[in-house]
């Protein structure tokens, strides 16, 4: 079983964001903090996560909200 460590990719099993992938940002006693493309940054119970063998290659700098994701501009209608 993969360990609860920073950078580990997981899938949420419970809640409104169930089925969505996220990355563990912080791991500690009483829960872990996760964040993902369609997952709000929040503390969750580790029992509500399915850990994958994958590990993200992003640095901790990106996890602290300092990295910006570039969005494609929406085409104008008309």
PDB file of N, CA and C in Angstrom:
ATOM      1  N   UNK A   1       0.843  -1.187   0.000  1.00  0.00           N
ATOM      2  CA  UNK A   1       0.000   0.000   0.000  1.00  0.00           C
ATOM      3  C   UNK A   1       0.883   1.244   0.000  1.00  0.00           C
ATOM      4  N   UNK A   2       0.602   2.205  -0.856  1.00  0.00           N
ATOM      5  CA  UNK A   2       1.386   3.439  -0.881  1.00  0.00           C
ATOM      6  C   UNK A   2       1.240   4.216   0.428  1.00  0.00           C
ATOM      7  N   UNK A   3       2.270   4.945   0.770  1.00  0.00           N
ATOM      8  CA  UNK A   3       2.280   5.704   2.021  1.00  0.00           C
ATOM      9  C   UNK A   3       1.620   7.065   1.846  1.00  0.00           C
ATOM     10  N   UNK A   4       1.151   7.610   2.963  1.00  0.00           N
ATOM     11  CA  UNK A   4       0.607   8.970   2.979  1.00  0.00           C
ATOM     12  C   UNK A   4       1.792   9.929   3.006  1.00  0.00           C
ATOM     13  N   UNK A   5       2.172  10.429   1.854  1.00  0.00           N
ATOM     14  CA  UNK A   5       3.307  11.343   1.774  1.00  0.00           C
ATOM     15  C   UNK A   5       2.992  12.471   0.809  1.00  0.00           C
ATOM     16  N   UNK A   6       3.692  13.563   0.974  1.00  0.00           N
ATOM     17  CA  UNK A   6       3.488  14.724   0.120  1.00  0.00           C
ATOM     18  C   UNK A   6       3.775  14.359  -1.333  1.00  0.00           C
ATOM     19  N   UNK A   7       2.863  14.737  -2.213  1.00  0.00           N
ATOM     20  CA  UNK A   7       3.033  14.472  -3.635  1.00  0.00           C
ATOM     21  C   UNK A   7       2.321  13.225  -4.124  1.00  0.00           C
ATOM     22  N   UNK A   8       1.800  12.407  -3.217  1.00  0.00           N
ATOM     23  CA  UNK A   8       1.122  11.170  -3.609  1.00  0.00           C
ATOM     24  C   UNK A   8      -0.220  11.499  -4.263  1.00  0.00           C
ATOM     25  N   UNK A   9      -0.496  10.889  -5.402  1.00  0.00           N
ATOM     26  CA  UNK A   9      -1.767  11.088  -6.103  1.00  0.00           C
ATOM     27  C   UNK A   9      -2.804  10.156  -5.474  1.00  0.00           C
ATOM     28  N   UNK A  10      -4.012  10.681  -5.273  1.00  0.00           N
ATOM     29  CA  UNK A  10      -5.077   9.891  -4.660  1.00  0.00           C
ATOM     30  C   UNK A  10      -6.405  10.209  -5.336  1.00  0.00           C
ATOM     31  N   UNK A  11      -7.413   9.397  -5.033  1.00  0.00           N
ATOM     32  CA  UNK A  11      -8.767   9.598  -5.549  1.00  0.00           C
ATOM     33  C   UNK A  11      -9.691   9.725  -4.342  1.00  0.00           C
ATOM     34  N   UNK A  12     -10.523  10.759  -4.334  1.00  0.00           N
ATOM     35  CA  UNK A  12     -11.475  10.937  -3.231  1.00  0.00           C
ATOM     36  C   UNK A  12     -12.601   9.924  -3.368  1.00  0.00           C
ATOM     37  N   UNK A  13     -12.952   9.294  -2.266  1.00  0.00           N
ATOM     38  CA  UNK A  13     -14.004   8.281  -2.272  1.00  0.00           C
ATOM     39  C   UNK A  13     -15.318   8.792  -1.700  1.00  0.00           C
ATOM     40  N   UNK A  14     -15.281   9.842  -0.915  1.00  0.00           N
ATOM     41  CA  UNK A  14     -16.467  10.346  -0.238  1.00  0.00           C
ATOM     42  C   UNK A  14     -16.638  11.838  -0.487  1.00  0.00           C
ATOM     43  N   UNK A  15     -17.869  12.303  -0.364  1.00  0.00           N
ATOM     44  CA  UNK A  15     -18.144  13.728  -0.439  1.00  0.00           C
ATOM     45  C   UNK A  15     -18.520  14.191  -1.830  1.00  0.00           C
ATOM     46  N   UNK A  16     -18.652  15.482  -1.947  1.00  0.00           N
ATOM     47  CA  UNK A  16     -19.093  16.101  -3.197  1.00  0.00           C
ATOM     48  C   UNK A  16     -18.073  15.902  -4.318  1.00  0.00           C
ATOM     49  N   UNK A  17     -16.815  15.745  -3.970  1.00  0.00           N
ATOM     50  CA  UNK A  17     -15.753  15.594  -4.976  1.00  0.00           C
ATOM     51  C   UNK A  17     -15.342  14.134  -5.165  1.00  0.00           C
ATOM     52  N   UNK A  18     -16.197  13.194  -4.801  1.00  0.00           N
ATOM     53  CA  UNK A  18     -15.892  11.768  -4.909  1.00  0.00           C
ATOM     54  C   UNK A  18     -15.580  11.397  -6.356  1.00  0.00           C
ATOM     55  N   UNK A  19     -14.548  10.591  -6.535  1.00  0.00           N
ATOM     56  CA  UNK A  19     -14.156  10.141  -7.863  1.00  0.00           C
ATOM     57  C   UNK A  19     -13.129  11.029  -8.539  1.00  0.00           C
ATOM     58  N   UNK A  20     -12.792  12.155  -7.943  1.00  0.00           N
ATOM     59  CA  UNK A  20     -11.840  13.084  -8.555  1.00  0.00           C
ATOM     60  C   UNK A  20     -10.441  12.874  -7.989  1.00  0.00           C
ATOM     61  N   UNK A  21      -9.451  13.075  -8.849  1.00  0.00           N
ATOM     62  CA  UNK A  21      -8.062  12.908  -8.440  1.00  0.00           C
ATOM     63  C   UNK A  21      -7.550  14.164  -7.753  1.00  0.00           C
ATOM     64  N   UNK A  22      -6.645  13.962  -6.802  1.00  0.00           N
ATOM     65  CA  UNK A  22      -6.031  15.065  -6.075  1.00  0.00           C
ATOM     66  C   UNK A  22      -4.621  14.640  -5.667  1.00  0.00           C
ATOM     67  N   UNK A  23      -3.870  15.589  -5.127  1.00  0.00           N
ATOM     68  CA  UNK A  23      -2.510  15.334  -4.665  1.00  0.00           C
ATOM     69  C   UNK A  23      -2.432  15.690  -3.189  1.00  0.00           C
ATOM     70  N   UNK A  24      -1.734  14.870  -2.419  1.00  0.00           N
ATOM     71  CA  UNK A  24      -1.550  15.159  -0.998  1.00  0.00           C
ATOM     72  C   UNK A  24      -0.527  16.278  -0.866  1.00  0.00           C
ATOM     73  N   UNK A  25      -0.931  17.358  -0.202  1.00  0.00           N
ATOM     74  CA  UNK A  25      -0.076  18.526  -0.022  1.00  0.00           C
ATOM     75  C   UNK A  25       0.648  18.453   1.316  1.00  0.00           C
ATOM     76  N   UNK A  26      -0.063  18.077   2.367  1.00  0.00           N
ATOM     77  CA  UNK A  26       0.519  17.942   3.701  1.00  0.00           C
ATOM     78  C   UNK A  26      -0.051  16.689   4.348  1.00  0.00           C
ATOM     79  N   UNK A  27       0.791  15.947   5.040  1.00  0.00           N
ATOM     80  CA  UNK A  27       0.330  14.772   5.770  1.00  0.00           C
ATOM     81  C   UNK A  27       0.727  14.936   7.231  1.00  0.00           C
ATOM     82  N   UNK A  28      -0.223  14.698   8.115  1.00  0.00           N
ATOM     83  CA  UNK A  28       0.051  14.836   9.540  1.00  0.00           C
ATOM     84  C   UNK A  28      -0.935  14.037  10.350  1.00  0.00           C
ATOM     85  N   UNK A  29      -0.881  14.240  11.658  1.00  0.00           N
ATOM     86  CA  UNK A  29      -1.811  13.535  12.540  1.00  0.00           C
ATOM     87  C   UNK A  29      -3.222  14.071  12.342  1.00  0.00           C
ATOM     88  N   UNK A  30      -4.167  13.180  12.290  1.00  0.00           N
ATOM     89  CA  UNK A  30      -5.561  13.590  12.215  1.00  0.00           C
ATOM     90  C   UNK A  30      -6.068  13.913  10.832  1.00  0.00           C
ATOM     91  N   UNK A  31      -5.269  13.761   9.816  1.00  0.00           N
ATOM     92  CA  UNK A  31      -5.757  14.016   8.465  1.00  0.00           C
ATOM     93  C   UNK A  31      -4.669  14.475   7.523  1.00  0.00           C
ATOM     94  N   UNK A  32      -5.048  14.607   6.268  1.00  0.00           N
ATOM     95  CA  UNK A  32      -4.124  15.093   5.248  1.00  0.00           C
ATOM     96  C   UNK A  32      -4.790  16.243   4.502  1.00  0.00           C
ATOM     97  N   UNK A  33      -3.974  17.122   3.953  1.00  0.00           N
ATOM     98  CA  UNK A  33      -4.480  18.226   3.147  1.00  0.00           C
ATOM     99  C   UNK A  33      -4.261  17.841   1.694  1.00  0.00           C
ATOM    100  N   UNK A  34      -5.339  17.930   0.894  1.00  0.00           N
ATOM    101  CA  UNK A  34      -5.240  17.587  -0.522  1.00  0.00           C
ATOM    102  C   UNK A  34      -5.648  18.781  -1.369  1.00  0.00           C
ATOM    103  N   UNK A  35      -5.222  18.737  -2.633  1.00  0.00           N
ATOM    104  CA  UNK A  35      -5.574  19.781  -3.589  1.00  0.00           C
ATOM    105  C   UNK A  35      -5.500  19.167  -4.975  1.00  0.00           C
ATOM    106  N   UNK A  36      -6.370  19.624  -5.868  1.00  0.00           N
ATOM    107  CA  UNK A  36      -6.372  19.100  -7.221  1.00  0.00           C
ATOM    108  C   UNK A  36      -7.046  20.048  -8.177  1.00  0.00           C
ATOM    109  N   UNK A  37      -7.120  19.669  -9.461  1.00  0.00           N
ATOM    110  CA  UNK A  37      -7.708  20.547 -10.466  1.00  0.00           C
ATOM    111  C   UNK A  37      -9.163  20.900 -10.184  1.00  0.00           C
ATOM    112  N   UNK A  38      -9.957  19.955  -9.746  1.00  0.00           N
ATOM    113  CA  UNK A  38     -11.365  20.215  -9.445  1.00  0.00           C
ATOM    114  C   UNK A  38     -11.675  19.834  -8.004  1.00  0.00           C
ATOM    115  N   UNK A  39     -10.643  19.894  -7.155  1.00  0.00           N
ATOM    116  CA  UNK A  39     -10.782  19.562  -5.740  1.00  0.00           C
ATOM    117  C   UNK A  39     -10.260  20.734  -4.930  1.00  0.00           C
ATOM    118  N   UNK A  40     -11.118  21.246  -4.045  1.00  0.00           N
ATOM    119  CA  UNK A  40     -10.708  22.362  -3.199  1.00  0.00           C
ATOM    120  C   UNK A  40      -9.633  21.916  -2.220  1.00  0.00           C
ATOM    121  N   UNK A  41      -8.731  22.825  -1.897  1.00  0.00           N
ATOM    122  CA  UNK A  41      -7.692  22.529  -0.913  1.00  0.00           C
ATOM    123  C   UNK A  41      -8.365  22.416   0.453  1.00  0.00           C
ATOM    124  N   UNK A  42      -8.266  21.230   1.062  1.00  0.00           N
ATOM    125  CA  UNK A  42      -8.905  21.027   2.351  1.00  0.00           C
ATOM    126  C   UNK A  42      -8.318  19.826   3.072  1.00  0.00           C
ATOM    127  N   UNK A  43      -8.558  19.791   4.369  1.00  0.00           N
ATOM    128  CA  UNK A  43      -8.125  18.681   5.195  1.00  0.00           C
ATOM    129  C   UNK A  43      -9.178  17.580   5.103  1.00  0.00           C
ATOM    130  N   UNK A  44      -8.739  16.345   4.862  1.00  0.00           N
ATOM    131  CA  UNK A  44      -9.671  15.227   4.731  1.00  0.00           C
ATOM    132  C   UNK A  44      -9.182  14.037   5.556  1.00  0.00           C
ATOM    133  N   UNK A  45     -10.099  13.140   5.836  1.00  0.00           N
ATOM    134  CA  UNK A  45      -9.795  11.906   6.534  1.00  0.00           C
ATOM    135  C   UNK A  45      -9.085  10.969   5.552  1.00  0.00           C
ATOM    136  N   UNK A  46      -7.942  10.390   5.927  1.00  0.00           N
ATOM    137  CA  UNK A  46      -7.234   9.483   5.009  1.00  0.00           C
ATOM    138  C   UNK A  46      -8.050   8.253   4.622  1.00  0.00           C
ATOM    139  N   UNK A  47      -9.025   7.872   5.439  1.00  0.00           N
ATOM    140  CA  UNK A  47      -9.865   6.719   5.108  1.00  0.00           C
ATOM    141  C   UNK A  47     -10.793   7.016   3.940  1.00  0.00           C
ATOM    142  N   UNK A  48     -10.949   8.280   3.587  1.00  0.00           N
ATOM    143  CA  UNK A  48     -11.810   8.678   2.474  1.00  0.00           C
ATOM    144  C   UNK A  48     -11.027   8.818   1.173  1.00  0.00           C
ATOM    145  N   UNK A  49      -9.777   8.358   1.164  1.00  0.00           N
ATOM    146  CA  UNK A  49      -8.923   8.470  -0.017  1.00  0.00           C
ATOM    147  C   UNK A  49      -8.486   7.099  -0.499  1.00  0.00           C
ATOM    148  N   UNK A  50      -8.397   6.951  -1.801  1.00  0.00           N
ATOM    149  CA  UNK A  50      -7.813   5.769  -2.418  1.00  0.00           C
ATOM    150  C   UNK A  50      -6.450   6.201  -2.940  1.00  0.00           C
ATOM    151  N   UNK A  51      -5.388   5.691  -2.325  1.00  0.00           N
ATOM    152  CA  UNK A  51      -4.039   6.082  -2.727  1.00  0.00           C
ATOM    153  C   UNK A  51      -3.620   5.306  -3.966  1.00  0.00           C
ATOM    154  N   UNK A  52      -2.945   5.979  -4.873  1.00  0.00           N
ATOM    155  CA  UNK A  52      -2.439   5.343  -6.084  1.00  0.00           C
ATOM    156  C   UNK A  52      -0.926   5.204  -5.963  1.00  0.00           C
ATOM    157  N   UNK A  53      -0.312   4.345  -6.761  1.00  0.00           N
ATOM    158  CA  UNK A  53       1.146   4.218  -6.712  1.00  0.00           C
ATOM    159  C   UNK A  53       1.867   5.402  -7.360  1.00  0.00           C
ATOM    160  N   UNK A  54       1.124   6.290  -8.009  1.00  0.00           N
ATOM    161  CA  UNK A  54       1.726   7.444  -8.682  1.00  0.00           C
ATOM    162  C   UNK A  54       2.120   8.518  -7.680  1.00  0.00           C
ATOM    163  N   UNK A  55       3.176   9.251  -8.018  1.00  0.00           N
ATOM    164  CA  UNK A  55       3.592  10.378  -7.196  1.00  0.00           C
ATOM    165  C   UNK A  55       3.830  11.555  -8.128  1.00  0.00           C
ATOM    166  N   UNK A  56       3.290  12.725  -7.759  1.00  0.00           N
ATOM    167  CA  UNK A  56       3.425  13.924  -8.585  1.00  0.00           C
ATOM    168  C   UNK A  56       4.867  14.415  -8.544  1.00  0.00           C
ATOM    169  N   UNK A  57       5.329  14.984  -9.649  1.00  0.00           N
ATOM    170  CA  UNK A  57       6.695  15.478  -9.733  1.00  0.00           C
ATOM    171  C   UNK A  57       6.785  16.973  -9.490  1.00  0.00           C
ATOM    172  N   UNK A  58       5.683  17.584  -9.078  1.00  0.00           N
ATOM    173  CA  UNK A  58       5.682  19.027  -8.829  1.00  0.00           C
ATOM    174  C   UNK A  58       6.389  19.321  -7.511  1.00  0.00           C
ATOM    175  N   UNK A  59       6.938  20.506  -7.415  1.00  0.00           N
ATOM    176  CA  UNK A  59       7.630  20.895  -6.192  1.00  0.00           C
ATOM    177  C   UNK A  59       6.637  21.395  -5.158  1.00  0.00           C
ATOM    178  N   UNK A  60       7.078  21.522  -3.924  1.00  0.00           N
ATOM    179  CA  UNK A  60       6.215  22.036  -2.862  1.00  0.00           C
ATOM    180  C   UNK A  60       5.848  23.485  -3.123  1.00  0.00           C
ATOM    181  N   UNK A  61       6.671  24.205  -3.876  1.00  0.00           N
ATOM    182  CA  UNK A  61       6.385  25.604  -4.199  1.00  0.00           C
ATOM    183  C   UNK A  61       5.052  25.707  -4.925  1.00  0.00           C
ATOM    184  N   UNK A  62       4.763  24.760  -5.792  1.00  0.00           N
ATOM    185  CA  UNK A  62       3.513  24.780  -6.558  1.00  0.00           C
ATOM    186  C   UNK A  62       2.314  24.486  -5.671  1.00  0.00           C
ATOM    187  N   UNK A  63       2.507  23.729  -4.602  1.00  0.00           N
ATOM    188  CA  UNK A  63       1.400  23.361  -3.732  1.00  0.00           C
ATOM    189  C   UNK A  63       0.926  24.509  -2.857  1.00  0.00           C
ATOM    190  N   UNK A  64       1.741  25.510  -2.652  1.00  0.00           N
ATOM    191  CA  UNK A  64       1.391  26.585  -1.733  1.00  0.00           C
ATOM    192  C   UNK A  64       0.578  27.676  -2.393  1.00  0.00           C
ATOM    193  N   UNK A  65       0.019  27.404  -3.563  1.00  0.00           N
ATOM    194  CA  UNK A  65      -0.847  28.369  -4.229  1.00  0.00           C
ATOM    195  C   UNK A  65      -0.081  29.454  -4.960  1.00  0.00           C
ATOM    196  N   UNK A  66       1.233  29.327  -5.062  1.00  0.00           N
ATOM    197  CA  UNK A  66       2.029  30.354  -5.721  1.00  0.00           C
ATOM    198  C   UNK A  66       2.186  30.082  -7.211  1.00  0.00           C
ATOM    199  N   UNK A  67       1.933  28.852  -7.608  1.00  0.00           N
ATOM    200  CA  UNK A  67       2.009  28.520  -9.028  1.00  0.00           C
ATOM    201  C   UNK A  67       0.660  28.812  -9.670  1.00  0.00           C
ATOM    202  N   UNK A  68       0.683  29.378 -10.843  1.00  0.00           N
ATOM    203  CA  UNK A  68      -0.557  29.717 -11.533  1.00  0.00           C
ATOM    204  C   UNK A  68      -0.739  28.798 -12.731  1.00  0.00           C
ATOM    205  N   UNK A  69      -1.949  28.351 -12.912  1.00  0.00           N
ATOM    206  CA  UNK A  69      -2.281  27.507 -14.056  1.00  0.00           C
ATOM    207  C   UNK A  69      -2.791  28.409 -15.164  1.00  0.00           C
ATOM    208  N   UNK A  70      -2.209  28.263 -16.337  1.00  0.00           N
ATOM    209  CA  UNK A  70      -2.646  29.083 -17.467  1.00  0.00           C
ATOM    210  C   UNK A  70      -3.940  28.513 -18.033  1.00  0.00           C
ATOM    211  N   UNK A  71      -4.908  29.367 -18.207  1.00  0.00           N
ATOM    212  CA  UNK A  71      -6.182  28.945 -18.778  1.00  0.00           C
ATOM    213  C   UNK A  71      -6.266  29.412 -20.221  1.00  0.00           C
ATOM    214  N   UNK A  72      -6.837  28.565 -21.048  1.00  0.00           N
ATOM    215  CA  UNK A  72      -7.013  28.930 -22.450  1.00  0.00           C
ATOM    216  C   UNK A  72      -8.163  29.926 -22.559  1.00  0.00           C
ATOM    217  N   UNK A  73      -8.002  30.965 -23.359  1.00  0.00           N
ATOM    218  CA  UNK A  73      -9.113  31.916 -23.511  1.00  0.00           C
ATOM    219  C   UNK A  73     -10.275  31.256 -24.249  1.00  0.00           C
ATOM    220  N   UNK A  74     -11.481  31.583 -23.809  1.00  0.00           N
ATOM    221  CA  UNK A  74     -12.668  31.021 -24.444  1.00  0.00           C
ATOM    222  C   UNK A  74     -12.917  31.733 -25.768  1.00  0.00           C
ATOM    223  N   UNK A  75     -13.258  30.977 -26.810  1.00  0.00           N
ATOM    224  CA  UNK A  75     -13.557  31.627 -28.088  1.00  0.00           C
ATOM    225  C   UNK A  75     -14.842  32.445 -27.987  1.00  0.00           C
ATOM    226  N   UNK A  76     -14.834  33.588 -28.643  1.00  0.00           N
ATOM    227  CA  UNK A  76     -16.014  34.458 -28.616  1.00  0.00           C
ATOM    228  C   UNK A  76     -17.074  33.912 -29.555  1.00  0.00           C
ATOM    229  N   UNK A  77     -18.307  33.998 -29.109  1.00  0.00           N
ATOM    230  CA  UNK A  77     -19.421  33.535 -29.933  1.00  0.00           C
ATOM    231  C   UNK A  77     -19.815  34.628 -30.909  1.00  0.00           C
ATOM    232  N   UNK A  78     -20.180  34.194 -32.092  1.00  0.00           N
ATOM    233  CA  UNK A  78     -20.730  35.163 -33.031  1.00  0.00           C
ATOM    234  C   UNK A  78     -19.911  35.491 -34.172  1.00  0.00           C
TER     235      UNK A  78
END
